[in-house]
Amino acid sequence: MKKTIVIVITTILMSIFSLYPTLCNAQPYGKGLYDSDIPYGSQTSLSIITDGDVDIPITPTNNGALVTGINLVTVTSSDVKGYKLYIRALSDTNLNNYGAILPASSNGSPAPLSINTWGYNTDSSTNYVGVTLSDVLIKSVSSPVKNGDVTSVRYGIYIDLSKPAGNYSTTVIYTAVPQTD
């Protein structure tokens, strides 16, 4: 009997500008970056997009199968000091299939996944970190990225036949904020 499990990681995007609609202007004279292609005195901008939800079909094995899916997160910012990108789970770190749970990895630093856990990385390795309910910095850029800066977030799931077939899902939030220091 072939079991199929589908993992769906829904992504929500947040930009600090959309949460707090205040004006942010370019750096004062002498504080900005020379020739950064950002007009002096103009308002700065910050936007964030992804390539959509991550859908990872899995056919588990007795010994466990490791499968991955990628989410591309693009931040565009005219802030001369750049931006910071954070990740966290919305309300639950577990992947849930009508009560059948696949917990986030307990890895606090990049390491291989344990059986029946999931995690993420940004270096395309086979080492993963478990998602948390708190914002975790995954990228910091210290210059404007007016043409967009792409971060590849790889999700890994290591699962065996002990988990029931079905659709496991959770929601992950990416937040981009302008650099302030």
Protein backbone atom coordinates (compact mmCIF):
# COMPACT_ATOMS: atom_id res chain seq x y z
CA MET A 1 0.00 0.00 0.00
CA LYS A 2 1.43 3.35 -1.07
CA LYS A 3 0.92 6.25 1.33
CA THR A 4 1.05 9.81 0.11
CA ILE A 5 1.53 12.77 2.35
CA VAL A 6 1.33 16.34 1.14
CA ILE A 7 2.90 19.13 3.15
CA VAL A 8 1.58 22.65 2.57
CA ILE A 9 3.38 25.57 4.14
CA THR A 10 1.31 28.69 3.71
CA THR A 11 3.27 31.92 3.74
CA ILE A 12 2.17 35.31 4.98
CA LEU A 13 4.22 38.37 4.17
CA MET A 14 4.61 41.40 6.35
CA SER A 15 6.42 44.64 5.83
CA ILE A 16 6.92 46.99 8.72
CA PHE A 17 5.74 49.84 6.47
CA SER A 18 2.39 48.15 5.89
CA LEU A 19 1.92 47.63 9.62
CA TYR A 20 2.94 51.15 10.60
CA PRO A 21 2.05 53.54 7.79
CA THR A 22 4.49 56.32 8.59
CA LEU A 23 6.71 58.32 6.29
CA CYS A 24 10.32 57.32 6.15
CA ASN A 25 12.67 59.66 4.36
CA ALA A 26 16.14 59.21 3.00
CA GLN A 27 19.03 59.67 5.40
CA PRO A 28 19.98 63.25 6.36
CA TYR A 29 22.86 64.90 4.53
CA GLY A 30 26.12 63.20 5.38
CA LYS A 31 24.46 60.06 6.79
CA GLY A 32 23.49 58.26 3.56
CA LEU A 33 25.55 56.27 1.08
CA TYR A 34 27.16 58.18 -1.76
CA ASP A 35 26.04 57.09 -5.24
CA SER A 36 23.52 54.56 -3.88
CA ASP A 37 21.03 55.42 -6.65
CA ILE A 38 18.48 56.63 -4.10
CA PRO A 39 17.37 60.22 -4.70
CA TYR A 40 18.30 62.62 -1.91
CA GLY A 41 15.34 63.62 0.25
CA SER A 42 12.91 61.11 -1.27
CA GLN A 43 10.83 58.66 0.72
CA THR A 44 12.26 55.19 1.08
CA SER A 45 10.27 52.07 0.29
CA LEU A 46 10.20 48.43 1.33
CA SER A 47 8.23 45.56 -0.20
CA ILE A 48 8.25 41.79 0.16
CA ILE A 49 6.83 38.98 -2.02
CA THR A 50 7.18 35.20 -2.28
CA ASP A 51 6.61 32.73 -5.06
CA GLY A 52 3.58 31.35 -3.16
CA ASP A 53 2.81 28.54 -0.77
CA VAL A 54 5.16 25.56 -0.56
CA ASP A 55 3.56 22.27 -1.61
CA ILE A 56 5.73 19.19 -0.94
CA PRO A 57 4.38 15.75 -1.93
CA ILE A 58 6.01 12.85 -0.04
CA THR A 59 5.95 9.09 -0.35
CA PRO A 60 7.35 7.94 3.01
CA THR A 61 9.41 4.79 3.49
CA ASN A 62 9.98 2.48 6.46
CA ASN A 63 13.34 4.11 7.20
CA GLY A 64 12.13 7.64 6.53
CA ALA A 65 12.23 9.89 3.50
CA LEU A 66 13.78 13.35 3.44
CA VAL A 67 12.10 15.69 0.99
CA THR A 68 12.45 19.41 0.45
CA GLY A 69 10.60 22.36 -1.00
CA ILE A 70 11.80 25.90 -1.66
CA ASN A 71 10.15 29.26 -1.09
CA LEU A 72 11.73 32.30 -2.76
CA VAL A 73 11.34 35.50 -0.75
CA THR A 74 12.13 38.76 -2.57
CA VAL A 75 12.65 42.02 -0.70
CA THR A 76 12.91 45.31 -2.53
CA SER A 77 14.05 48.34 -0.56
CA SER A 78 15.38 51.79 -1.29
CA ASP A 79 16.50 52.26 2.31
CA VAL A 80 20.20 53.18 2.19
CA LYS A 81 20.89 51.04 5.26
CA GLY A 82 19.18 47.94 3.83
CA TYR A 83 16.75 45.57 5.55
CA LYS A 84 16.39 42.61 7.89
CA LEU A 85 14.32 39.51 7.05
CA TYR A 86 12.69 37.42 9.78
CA ILE A 87 10.79 34.11 9.85
CA ARG A 88 8.35 32.61 12.40
CA ALA A 89 5.30 30.38 12.61
CA LEU A 90 1.94 32.13 12.84
CA SER A 91 0.36 30.27 15.75
CA ASP A 92 1.68 26.68 15.76
CA THR A 93 5.09 25.25 14.85
CA ASN A 94 3.62 21.81 14.11
CA LEU A 95 2.48 20.62 10.73
CA ASN A 96 -1.07 19.43 11.36
CA ASN A 97 -3.21 16.85 9.53
CA TYR A 98 -6.55 16.85 11.39
CA GLY A 99 -4.83 16.11 14.69
CA ALA A 100 -1.93 14.04 13.36
CA ILE A 101 1.10 16.18 14.22
CA LEU A 102 4.53 16.51 12.62
CA PRO A 103 6.51 18.73 15.03
CA ALA A 104 9.09 21.33 14.07
CA SER A 105 12.65 20.21 14.64
CA SER A 106 14.12 20.99 18.05
CA ASN A 107 17.34 22.04 16.30
CA GLY A 108 18.32 25.49 17.55
CA SER A 109 21.24 25.58 15.14
CA PRO A 110 21.58 23.88 11.74
CA ALA A 111 21.74 20.07 12.05
CA PRO A 112 20.23 17.01 10.35
CA LEU A 113 16.52 16.45 10.99
CA SER A 114 15.33 13.73 13.33
CA ILE A 115 12.72 11.29 12.02
CA ASN A 116 9.20 12.76 11.81
CA THR A 117 10.23 16.41 12.12
CA TRP A 118 10.53 19.36 9.77
CA GLY A 119 12.65 22.52 9.57
CA TYR A 120 14.12 25.16 7.29
CA ASN A 121 17.46 26.55 6.14
CA THR A 122 18.72 29.33 3.90
CA ASP A 123 21.97 27.70 2.75
CA SER A 124 20.56 24.76 0.72
CA SER A 125 22.37 22.26 2.94
CA THR A 126 20.95 19.11 4.54
CA ASN A 127 21.01 20.79 7.96
CA TYR A 128 17.85 22.44 9.28
CA VAL A 129 16.56 24.59 12.12
CA GLY A 130 13.11 24.28 13.63
CA VAL A 131 10.71 27.17 13.11
CA THR A 132 9.63 29.00 16.28
CA LEU A 133 6.79 31.31 17.33
CA SER A 134 9.28 34.18 17.72
CA ASP A 135 10.83 36.18 14.89
CA VAL A 136 14.22 34.75 13.90
CA LEU A 137 16.60 36.80 11.76
CA ILE A 138 17.42 34.88 8.56
CA LYS A 139 19.05 37.66 6.52
CA SER A 140 20.51 41.13 7.00
CA VAL A 141 21.43 43.37 4.08
CA SER A 142 23.24 46.68 4.61
CA SER A 143 22.60 48.45 1.31
CA PRO A 144 19.67 49.38 -0.92
CA VAL A 145 18.22 46.57 -3.03
CA LYS A 146 16.06 48.55 -5.44
CA ASN A 147 16.00 45.68 -7.98
CA GLY A 148 15.10 43.06 -5.35
CA ASP A 149 17.12 40.67 -3.22
CA VAL A 150 16.08 37.01 -3.26
CA THR A 151 16.38 34.68 -0.27
CA SER A 152 15.85 30.97 -0.86
CA VAL A 153 14.18 29.33 2.16
CA ARG A 154 14.39 25.53 1.91
CA TYR A 155 11.96 23.47 3.96
CA GLY A 156 12.91 19.88 4.80
CA ILE A 157 10.63 17.12 6.06
CA TYR A 158 11.96 13.78 7.29
CA ILE A 159 9.06 11.35 7.69
CA ASP A 160 8.42 7.61 7.92
CA LEU A 161 5.38 5.34 7.54
CA SER A 162 4.23 5.81 11.14
CA LYS A 163 2.46 9.07 10.22
CA PRO A 164 -0.98 8.80 8.59
CA ALA A 165 -1.44 9.86 4.98
CA GLY A 166 -3.04 13.23 4.34
CA ASN A 167 -2.34 16.93 4.06
CA TYR A 168 -0.16 18.40 6.79
CA SER A 169 -0.03 22.18 6.94
CA THR A 170 1.04 25.22 8.91
CA THR A 171 1.51 28.94 8.30
CA VAL A 172 4.86 30.71 8.28
CA ILE A 173 5.31 34.49 8.37
CA TYR A 174 8.14 36.38 6.71
CA THR A 175 8.69 39.93 7.96
CA ALA A 176 10.96 42.51 6.33
CA VAL A 177 11.96 45.64 8.21
CA PRO A 178 14.26 48.51 7.24
CA GLN A 179 17.68 48.74 8.91
CA THR A 180 17.80 51.44 11.54
CA ASP A 181 21.39 51.25 12.73
